[in-house]
PDB file of all heavy atoms in Angstrom:
ATOM      1  N   ALA A   1     111.585  91.339 111.816  1.00  0.00           N
ATOM      2  CA  ALA A   1     112.540  90.319 112.202  1.00  0.00           C
ATOM      3  C   ALA A   1     113.889  90.739 111.748  1.00  0.00           C
ATOM      4  O   ALA A   1     114.096  91.405 110.751  1.00  0.00           O
ATOM      5  CB  ALA A   1     112.169  88.992 111.415  1.00  0.00           C
ATOM      6  N   ARG A   2     114.923  90.336 112.532  1.00  0.00           N
ATOM      7  CA  ARG A   2     116.296  90.684 112.271  1.00  0.00           C
ATOM      8  C   ARG A   2     117.001  89.503 111.512  1.00  0.00           C
ATOM      9  O   ARG A   2     116.763  88.377 111.776  1.00  0.00           O
ATOM     10  CB  ARG A   2     116.997  91.146 113.509  1.00  0.00           C
ATOM     11  CG  ARG A   2     117.245  89.981 114.497  1.00  0.00           C
ATOM     12  CD  ARG A   2     117.968  90.479 115.747  1.00  0.00           C
ATOM     13  NE  ARG A   2     117.107  91.213 116.654  1.00  0.00           N
ATOM     14  CZ  ARG A   2     117.527  91.919 117.609  1.00  0.00           C
ATOM     15  NH1 ARG A   2     118.843  92.056 117.888  1.00  0.00           N
ATOM     16  NH2 ARG A   2     116.649  92.604 118.484  1.00  0.00           N
ATOM     17  N   LEU A   3     117.899  89.910 110.642  1.00  0.00           N
ATOM     18  CA  LEU A   3     118.712  88.893 109.959  1.00  0.00           C
ATOM     19  C   LEU A   3     119.813  88.393 110.854  1.00  0.00           C
ATOM     20  O   LEU A   3     120.224  89.130 111.841  1.00  0.00           O
ATOM     21  CB  LEU A   3     119.302  89.443 108.692  1.00  0.00           C
ATOM     22  CG  LEU A   3     118.389  89.991 107.599  1.00  0.00           C
ATOM     23  CD1 LEU A   3     119.163  90.285 106.336  1.00  0.00           C
ATOM     24  CD2 LEU A   3     117.184  89.133 107.375  1.00  0.00           C
ATOM     25  N   GLU A   4     120.334  87.221 110.628  1.00  0.00           N
ATOM     26  CA  GLU A   4     121.454  86.768 111.405  1.00  0.00           C
ATOM     27  C   GLU A   4     122.729  87.479 111.164  1.00  0.00           C
ATOM     28  O   GLU A   4     123.566  87.697 112.069  1.00  0.00           O
ATOM     29  CB  GLU A   4     121.670  85.251 111.014  1.00  0.00           C
ATOM     30  CG  GLU A   4     120.451  84.373 111.477  1.00  0.00           C
ATOM     31  CD  GLU A   4     120.842  82.894 111.142  1.00  0.00           C
ATOM     32  OE1 GLU A   4     121.936  82.623 110.698  1.00  0.00           O
ATOM     33  OE2 GLU A   4     119.894  82.038 111.371  1.00  0.00           O
ATOM     34  N   ARG A   5     122.881  87.944 109.910  1.00  0.00           N
ATOM     35  CA  ARG A   5     124.165  88.691 109.484  1.00  0.00           C
ATOM     36  C   ARG A   5     123.998  90.127 109.896  1.00  0.00           C
ATOM     37  O   ARG A   5     122.991  90.811 109.545  1.00  0.00           O
ATOM     38  CB  ARG A   5     124.412  88.471 108.025  1.00  0.00           C
ATOM     39  CG  ARG A   5     125.682  89.192 107.506  1.00  0.00           C
ATOM     40  CD  ARG A   5     125.728  89.037 105.979  1.00  0.00           C
ATOM     41  NE  ARG A   5     125.850  87.642 105.635  1.00  0.00           N
ATOM     42  CZ  ARG A   5     127.005  86.974 105.509  1.00  0.00           C
ATOM     43  NH1 ARG A   5     128.108  87.625 105.756  1.00  0.00           N
ATOM     44  NH2 ARG A   5     127.002  85.731 105.152  1.00  0.00           N
ATOM     45  N   HIS A   6     124.991  90.736 110.487  1.00  0.00           N
ATOM     46  CA  HIS A   6     125.116  92.119 110.800  1.00  0.00           C
ATOM     47  C   HIS A   6     125.991  92.806 109.743  1.00  0.00           C
ATOM     48  O   HIS A   6     126.885  92.233 109.139  1.00  0.00           O
ATOM     49  CB  HIS A   6     125.764  92.382 112.190  1.00  0.00           C
ATOM     50  CG  HIS A   6     124.865  92.077 113.306  1.00  0.00           C
ATOM     51  ND1 HIS A   6     124.907  92.851 114.461  1.00  0.00           N
ATOM     52  CD2 HIS A   6     123.818  91.228 113.474  1.00  0.00           C
ATOM     53  CE1 HIS A   6     123.997  92.423 115.301  1.00  0.00           C
ATOM     54  NE2 HIS A   6     123.348  91.443 114.718  1.00  0.00           N
ATOM     55  N   ILE A   7     125.650  93.988 109.415  1.00  0.00           N
ATOM     56  CA  ILE A   7     126.512  94.785 108.559  1.00  0.00           C
ATOM     57  C   ILE A   7     127.589  95.500 109.404  1.00  0.00           C
ATOM     58  O   ILE A   7     127.332  96.167 110.380  1.00  0.00           O
ATOM     59  CB  ILE A   7     125.666  95.892 107.799  1.00  0.00           C
ATOM     60  CG1 ILE A   7     124.557  95.228 106.964  1.00  0.00           C
ATOM     61  CG2 ILE A   7     126.548  96.774 106.933  1.00  0.00           C
ATOM     62  CD1 ILE A   7     125.121  94.256 105.870  1.00  0.00           C
ATOM     63  N   GLY A   8     128.841  95.277 108.980  1.00  0.00           N
ATOM     64  CA  GLY A   8     129.933  95.796 109.743  1.00  0.00           C
ATOM     65  C   GLY A   8     130.384  94.957 110.890  1.00  0.00           C
ATOM     66  O   GLY A   8     131.233  95.343 111.716  1.00  0.00           O
ATOM     67  N   GLY A   9     129.820  93.713 110.979  1.00  0.00           N
ATOM     68  CA  GLY A   9     130.274  92.825 112.082  1.00  0.00           C
ATOM     69  C   GLY A   9     129.715  93.225 113.455  1.00  0.00           C
ATOM     70  O   GLY A   9     128.918  94.151 113.524  1.00  0.00           O
ATOM     71  N   VAL A  10     130.163  92.537 114.407  1.00  0.00           N
ATOM     72  CA  VAL A  10     129.678  92.726 115.801  1.00  0.00           C
ATOM     73  C   VAL A  10     130.056  94.172 116.314  1.00  0.00           C
ATOM     74  O   VAL A  10     129.398  94.702 117.201  1.00  0.00           O
ATOM     75  CB  VAL A  10     130.181  91.642 116.764  1.00  0.00           C
ATOM     76  CG1 VAL A  10     129.625  90.344 116.328  1.00  0.00           C
ATOM     77  CG2 VAL A  10     131.721  91.582 116.735  1.00  0.00           C
ATOM     78  N   ARG A  11     131.156  94.663 115.826  1.00  0.00           N
ATOM     79  CA  ARG A  11     131.542  95.988 116.257  1.00  0.00           C
ATOM     80  C   ARG A  11     130.594  97.136 115.894  1.00  0.00           C
ATOM     81  O   ARG A  11     130.699  98.239 116.468  1.00  0.00           O
ATOM     82  CB  ARG A  11     133.012  96.317 115.681  1.00  0.00           C
ATOM     83  CG  ARG A  11     134.122  95.461 116.274  1.00  0.00           C
ATOM     84  CD  ARG A  11     135.465  95.873 115.721  1.00  0.00           C
ATOM     85  NE  ARG A  11     136.529  95.037 116.268  1.00  0.00           N
ATOM     86  CZ  ARG A  11     137.788  95.222 115.975  1.00  0.00           C
ATOM     87  NH1 ARG A  11     138.161  96.162 115.181  1.00  0.00           N
ATOM     88  NH2 ARG A  11     138.713  94.443 116.530  1.00  0.00           N
ATOM     89  N   SER A  12     129.761  96.823 114.837  1.00  0.00           N
ATOM     90  CA  SER A  12     128.803  97.904 114.484  1.00  0.00           C
ATOM     91  C   SER A  12     127.668  98.063 115.465  1.00  0.00           C
ATOM     92  O   SER A  12     126.956  99.083 115.426  1.00  0.00           O
ATOM     93  CB  SER A  12     128.191  97.497 113.101  1.00  0.00           C
ATOM     94  OG  SER A  12     127.395  96.316 113.209  1.00  0.00           O
ATOM     95  N   GLY A  13     127.557  97.155 116.390  1.00  0.00           N
ATOM     96  CA  GLY A  13     126.528  97.231 117.402  1.00  0.00           C
ATOM     97  C   GLY A  13     125.138  97.197 116.827  1.00  0.00           C
ATOM     98  O   GLY A  13     124.909  96.480 115.763  1.00  0.00           O
ATOM     99  N   SER A  14     124.154  97.829 117.450  1.00  0.00           N
ATOM    100  CA  SER A  14     122.820  97.749 116.980  1.00  0.00           C
ATOM    101  C   SER A  14     122.611  98.368 115.659  1.00  0.00           C
ATOM    102  O   SER A  14     121.667  98.112 114.897  1.00  0.00           O
ATOM    103  CB  SER A  14     121.859  98.368 118.075  1.00  0.00           C
ATOM    104  OG  SER A  14     122.152  99.743 118.251  1.00  0.00           O
ATOM    105  N   SER A  15     123.474  99.392 115.294  1.00  0.00           N
ATOM    106  CA  SER A  15     123.300 100.104 113.998  1.00  0.00           C
ATOM    107  C   SER A  15     123.466  99.188 112.813  1.00  0.00           C
ATOM    108  O   SER A  15     122.897  99.423 111.752  1.00  0.00           O
ATOM    109  CB  SER A  15     124.336 101.218 113.918  1.00  0.00           C
ATOM    110  OG  SER A  15     124.074 102.207 114.875  1.00  0.00           O
ATOM    111  N   GLY A  16     124.214  98.046 112.970  1.00  0.00           N
ATOM    112  CA  GLY A  16     124.442  97.154 111.864  1.00  0.00           C
ATOM    113  C   GLY A  16     123.448  96.052 111.777  1.00  0.00           C
ATOM    114  O   GLY A  16     123.495  95.232 110.835  1.00  0.00           O
ATOM    115  N   ILE A  17     122.433  95.979 112.636  1.00  0.00           N
ATOM    116  CA  ILE A  17     121.411  94.929 112.581  1.00  0.00           C
ATOM    117  C   ILE A  17     120.559  95.218 111.297  1.00  0.00           C
ATOM    118  O   ILE A  17     120.168  96.387 111.102  1.00  0.00           O
ATOM    119  CB  ILE A  17     120.550  94.995 113.814  1.00  0.00           C
ATOM    120  CG1 ILE A  17     121.333  94.639 115.079  1.00  0.00           C
ATOM    121  CG2 ILE A  17     119.381  93.892 113.661  1.00  0.00           C
ATOM    122  CD1 ILE A  17     120.630  94.708 116.406  1.00  0.00           C
ATOM    123  N   VAL A  18     120.321  94.171 110.616  1.00  0.00           N
ATOM    124  CA  VAL A  18     119.491  94.268 109.389  1.00  0.00           C
ATOM    125  C   VAL A  18     118.044  93.747 109.664  1.00  0.00           C
ATOM    126  O   VAL A  18     117.937  92.644 110.171  1.00  0.00           O
ATOM    127  CB  VAL A  18     120.071  93.541 108.173  1.00  0.00           C
ATOM    128  CG1 VAL A  18     119.214  93.754 106.891  1.00  0.00           C
ATOM    129  CG2 VAL A  18     121.552  94.031 107.943  1.00  0.00           C
ATOM    130  N   TRP A  19     117.095  94.540 109.291  1.00  0.00           N
ATOM    131  CA  TRP A  19     115.682  94.180 109.564  1.00  0.00           C
ATOM    132  C   TRP A  19     114.927  93.960 108.318  1.00  0.00           C
ATOM    133  O   TRP A  19     115.122  94.532 107.240  1.00  0.00           O
ATOM    134  CB  TRP A  19     115.003  95.255 110.390  1.00  0.00           C
ATOM    135  CG  TRP A  19     115.711  95.592 111.644  1.00  0.00           C
ATOM    136  CD1 TRP A  19     116.769  96.479 111.951  1.00  0.00           C
ATOM    137  CD2 TRP A  19     115.383  94.990 112.950  1.00  0.00           C
ATOM    138  NE1 TRP A  19     117.080  96.438 113.216  1.00  0.00           N
ATOM    139  CE2 TRP A  19     116.253  95.600 113.946  1.00  0.00           C
ATOM    140  CE3 TRP A  19     114.472  94.086 113.431  1.00  0.00           C
ATOM    141  CZ2 TRP A  19     116.301  95.280 115.280  1.00  0.00           C
ATOM    142  CZ3 TRP A  19     114.455  93.757 114.730  1.00  0.00           C
ATOM    143  CH2 TRP A  19     115.315  94.359 115.658  1.00  0.00           C
ATOM    144  N   GLN A  20     113.892  93.080 108.417  1.00  0.00           N
ATOM    145  CA  GLN A  20     112.880  92.865 107.404  1.00  0.00           C
ATOM    146  C   GLN A  20     111.514  92.659 108.084  1.00  0.00           C
ATOM    147  O   GLN A  20     111.451  92.582 109.310  1.00  0.00           O
ATOM    148  CB  GLN A  20     113.204  91.701 106.491  1.00  0.00           C
ATOM    149  CG  GLN A  20     113.250  90.392 107.225  1.00  0.00           C
ATOM    150  CD  GLN A  20     113.686  89.237 106.331  1.00  0.00           C
ATOM    151  OE1 GLN A  20     113.936  89.399 105.097  1.00  0.00           O
ATOM    152  NE2 GLN A  20     113.741  87.988 106.910  1.00  0.00           N
ATOM    153  N   LEU A  21     110.478  92.654 107.302  1.00  0.00           N
ATOM    154  CA  LEU A  21     109.161  92.419 107.870  1.00  0.00           C
ATOM    155  C   LEU A  21     109.082  91.043 108.420  1.00  0.00           C
ATOM    156  O   LEU A  21     109.596  90.083 107.848  1.00  0.00           O
ATOM    157  CB  LEU A  21     108.061  92.581 106.789  1.00  0.00           C
ATOM    158  CG  LEU A  21     107.648  93.994 106.415  1.00  0.00           C
ATOM    159  CD1 LEU A  21     106.599  93.958 105.305  1.00  0.00           C
ATOM    160  CD2 LEU A  21     107.118  94.795 107.611  1.00  0.00           C
ATOM    161  N   GLY A  22     108.398  90.899 109.552  1.00  0.00           N
ATOM    162  CA  GLY A  22     108.111  89.585 110.124  1.00  0.00           C
ATOM    163  C   GLY A  22     106.853  89.038 109.540  1.00  0.00           C
ATOM    164  O   GLY A  22     106.171  89.701 108.769  1.00  0.00           O
ATOM    165  N   ALA A  23     106.495  87.772 109.927  1.00  0.00           N
ATOM    166  CA  ALA A  23     105.294  87.190 109.351  1.00  0.00           C
ATOM    167  C   ALA A  23     104.019  87.955 109.614  1.00  0.00           C
ATOM    168  O   ALA A  23     103.211  88.159 108.711  1.00  0.00           O
ATOM    169  CB  ALA A  23     105.185  85.727 109.851  1.00  0.00           C
ATOM    170  N   THR A  24     103.920  88.406 110.869  1.00  0.00           N
ATOM    171  CA  THR A  24     102.708  89.255 111.229  1.00  0.00           C
ATOM    172  C   THR A  24     102.709  90.529 110.572  1.00  0.00           C
ATOM    173  O   THR A  24     101.595  91.010 110.070  1.00  0.00           O
ATOM    174  CB  THR A  24     102.626  89.391 112.789  1.00  0.00           C
ATOM    175  OG1 THR A  24     102.678  88.092 113.404  1.00  0.00           O
ATOM    176  CG2 THR A  24     101.361  90.129 113.171  1.00  0.00           C
ATOM    177  N   GLY A  25     103.845  91.198 110.412  1.00  0.00           N
ATOM    178  CA  GLY A  25     103.927  92.480 109.774  1.00  0.00           C
ATOM    179  C   GLY A  25     103.586  92.376 108.305  1.00  0.00           C
ATOM    180  O   GLY A  25     102.894  93.216 107.731  1.00  0.00           O
ATOM    181  N   GLU A  26     104.063  91.285 107.659  1.00  0.00           N
ATOM    182  CA  GLU A  26     103.711  91.022 106.240  1.00  0.00           C
ATOM    183  C   GLU A  26     102.255  90.847 106.053  1.00  0.00           C
ATOM    184  O   GLU A  26     101.598  91.409 105.168  1.00  0.00           O
ATOM    185  CB  GLU A  26     104.485  89.791 105.693  1.00  0.00           C
ATOM    186  CG  GLU A  26     104.366  89.580 104.238  1.00  0.00           C
ATOM    187  CD  GLU A  26     103.178  88.808 103.811  1.00  0.00           C
ATOM    188  OE1 GLU A  26     102.601  88.061 104.643  1.00  0.00           O
ATOM    189  OE2 GLU A  26     102.718  88.971 102.660  1.00  0.00           O
ATOM    190  N   ARG A  27     101.597  90.049 106.925  1.00  0.00           N
ATOM    191  CA  ARG A  27     100.126  89.829 106.805  1.00  0.00           C
ATOM    192  C   ARG A  27      99.367  91.057 107.061  1.00  0.00           C
ATOM    193  O   ARG A  27      98.389  91.389 106.387  1.00  0.00           O
ATOM    194  CB  ARG A  27      99.711  88.716 107.791  1.00  0.00           C
ATOM    195  CG  ARG A  27     100.147  87.334 107.492  1.00  0.00           C
ATOM    196  CD  ARG A  27      99.361  86.309 108.215  1.00  0.00           C
ATOM    197  NE  ARG A  27      99.527  86.419 109.672  1.00  0.00           N
ATOM    198  CZ  ARG A  27     100.529  85.806 110.324  1.00  0.00           C
ATOM    199  NH1 ARG A  27     101.392  85.079 109.762  1.00  0.00           N
ATOM    200  NH2 ARG A  27     100.584  85.955 111.667  1.00  0.00           N
ATOM    201  N   LEU A  28      99.853  91.913 108.044  1.00  0.00           N
ATOM    202  CA  LEU A  28      99.099  93.142 108.358  1.00  0.00           C
ATOM    203  C   LEU A  28      99.147  94.071 107.139  1.00  0.00           C
ATOM    204  O   LEU A  28      98.057  94.567 106.744  1.00  0.00           O
ATOM    205  CB  LEU A  28      99.791  93.804 109.526  1.00  0.00           C
ATOM    206  CG  LEU A  28      99.230  95.245 109.890  1.00  0.00           C
ATOM    207  CD1 LEU A  28      97.839  95.189 110.282  1.00  0.00           C
ATOM    208  CD2 LEU A  28     100.172  95.897 110.943  1.00  0.00           C
ATOM    209  N   LEU A  29     100.266  94.309 106.537  1.00  0.00           N
ATOM    210  CA  LEU A  29     100.383  95.251 105.404  1.00  0.00           C
ATOM    211  C   LEU A  29      99.704  94.704 104.193  1.00  0.00           C
ATOM    212  O   LEU A  29      99.095  95.427 103.393  1.00  0.00           O
ATOM    213  CB  LEU A  29     101.874  95.562 105.119  1.00  0.00           C
ATOM    214  CG  LEU A  29     102.563  96.375 106.208  1.00  0.00           C
ATOM    215  CD1 LEU A  29     103.907  96.794 105.775  1.00  0.00           C
ATOM    216  CD2 LEU A  29     101.791  97.573 106.614  1.00  0.00           C
ATOM    217  N   ARG A  30      99.834  93.372 103.990  1.00  0.00           N
ATOM    218  CA  ARG A  30      99.145  92.787 102.850  1.00  0.00           C
ATOM    219  C   ARG A  30      97.668  92.925 102.974  1.00  0.00           C
ATOM    220  O   ARG A  30      96.989  93.285 101.952  1.00  0.00           O
ATOM    221  CB  ARG A  30      99.463  91.298 102.784  1.00  0.00           C
ATOM    222  CG  ARG A  30      98.786  90.537 101.655  1.00  0.00           C
ATOM    223  CD  ARG A  30      99.525  89.241 101.297  1.00  0.00           C
ATOM    224  NE  ARG A  30      99.990  88.532 102.419  1.00  0.00           N
ATOM    225  CZ  ARG A  30      99.305  87.530 103.066  1.00  0.00           C
ATOM    226  NH1 ARG A  30      98.069  87.246 102.646  1.00  0.00           N
ATOM    227  NH2 ARG A  30      99.855  86.888 104.085  1.00  0.00           N
ATOM    228  N   THR A  31      97.077  92.832 104.131  1.00  0.00           N
ATOM    229  CA  THR A  31      95.668  93.056 104.376  1.00  0.00           C
ATOM    230  C   THR A  31      95.326  94.515 104.185  1.00  0.00           C
ATOM    231  O   THR A  31      94.316  94.867 103.504  1.00  0.00           O
ATOM    232  CB  THR A  31      95.224  92.553 105.721  1.00  0.00           C
ATOM    233  OG1 THR A  31      95.601  91.201 105.880  1.00  0.00           O
ATOM    234  CG2 THR A  31      93.717  92.703 105.885  1.00  0.00           C
ATOM    235  N   MET A  32      96.109  95.394 104.717  1.00  0.00           N
ATOM    236  CA  MET A  32      95.845  96.833 104.621  1.00  0.00           C
ATOM    237  C   MET A  32      95.852  97.327 103.193  1.00  0.00           C
ATOM    238  O   MET A  32      95.101  98.219 102.796  1.00  0.00           O
ATOM    239  CB  MET A  32      96.931  97.625 105.373  1.00  0.00           C
ATOM    240  CG  MET A  32      96.779  97.515 106.937  1.00  0.00           C
ATOM    241  SD  MET A  32      98.176  98.321 107.791  1.00  0.00           S
ATOM    242  CE  MET A  32      97.991 100.041 107.175  1.00  0.00           C
ATOM    243  N   HIS A  33      96.787  96.713 102.338  1.00  0.00           N
ATOM    244  CA  HIS A  33      96.890  97.137 100.939  1.00  0.00           C
ATOM    245  C   HIS A  33      96.014  96.294 100.009  1.00  0.00           C
ATOM    246  O   HIS A  33      96.007  96.540  98.741  1.00  0.00           O
ATOM    247  CB  HIS A  33      98.343  97.043 100.513  1.00  0.00           C
ATOM    248  CG  HIS A  33      99.262  98.059 101.089  1.00  0.00           C
ATOM    249  ND1 HIS A  33      99.369  99.330 100.549  1.00  0.00           N
ATOM    250  CD2 HIS A  33     100.022  98.008 102.250  1.00  0.00           C
ATOM    251  CE1 HIS A  33     100.220 100.046 101.295  1.00  0.00           C
ATOM    252  NE2 HIS A  33     100.644  99.243 102.362  1.00  0.00           N
ATOM    253  N   GLY A  34      95.229  95.402 100.546  1.00  0.00           N
ATOM    254  CA  GLY A  34      94.293  94.596  99.723  1.00  0.00           C
ATOM    255  C   GLY A  34      95.046  93.656  98.773  1.00  0.00           C
ATOM    256  O   GLY A  34      94.530  93.338  97.711  1.00  0.00           O
ATOM    257  N   GLU A  35      96.186  93.175  99.139  1.00  0.00           N
ATOM    258  CA  GLU A  35      96.968  92.256  98.324  1.00  0.00           C
ATOM    259  C   GLU A  35      96.642  90.822  98.714  1.00  0.00           C
ATOM    260  O   GLU A  35      96.441  90.510  99.851  1.00  0.00           O
ATOM    261  CB  GLU A  35      98.463  92.568  98.476  1.00  0.00           C
ATOM    262  CG  GLU A  35      98.896  93.950  98.028  1.00  0.00           C
ATOM    263  CD  GLU A  35     100.386  94.183  98.327  1.00  0.00           C
ATOM    264  OE1 GLU A  35     101.002  93.341  99.048  1.00  0.00           O
ATOM    265  OE2 GLU A  35     100.930  95.144  97.783  1.00  0.00           O
TER     266      GLU A  35
END
């Protein structure tokens, strides 16, 4: 999932998009790691 805030503002383009795990990604890795 991407955050609403970009690093460097809109001029940074796609390079400034900040990402984190989404809900499905979190569940997948949690299951894979036995957490």
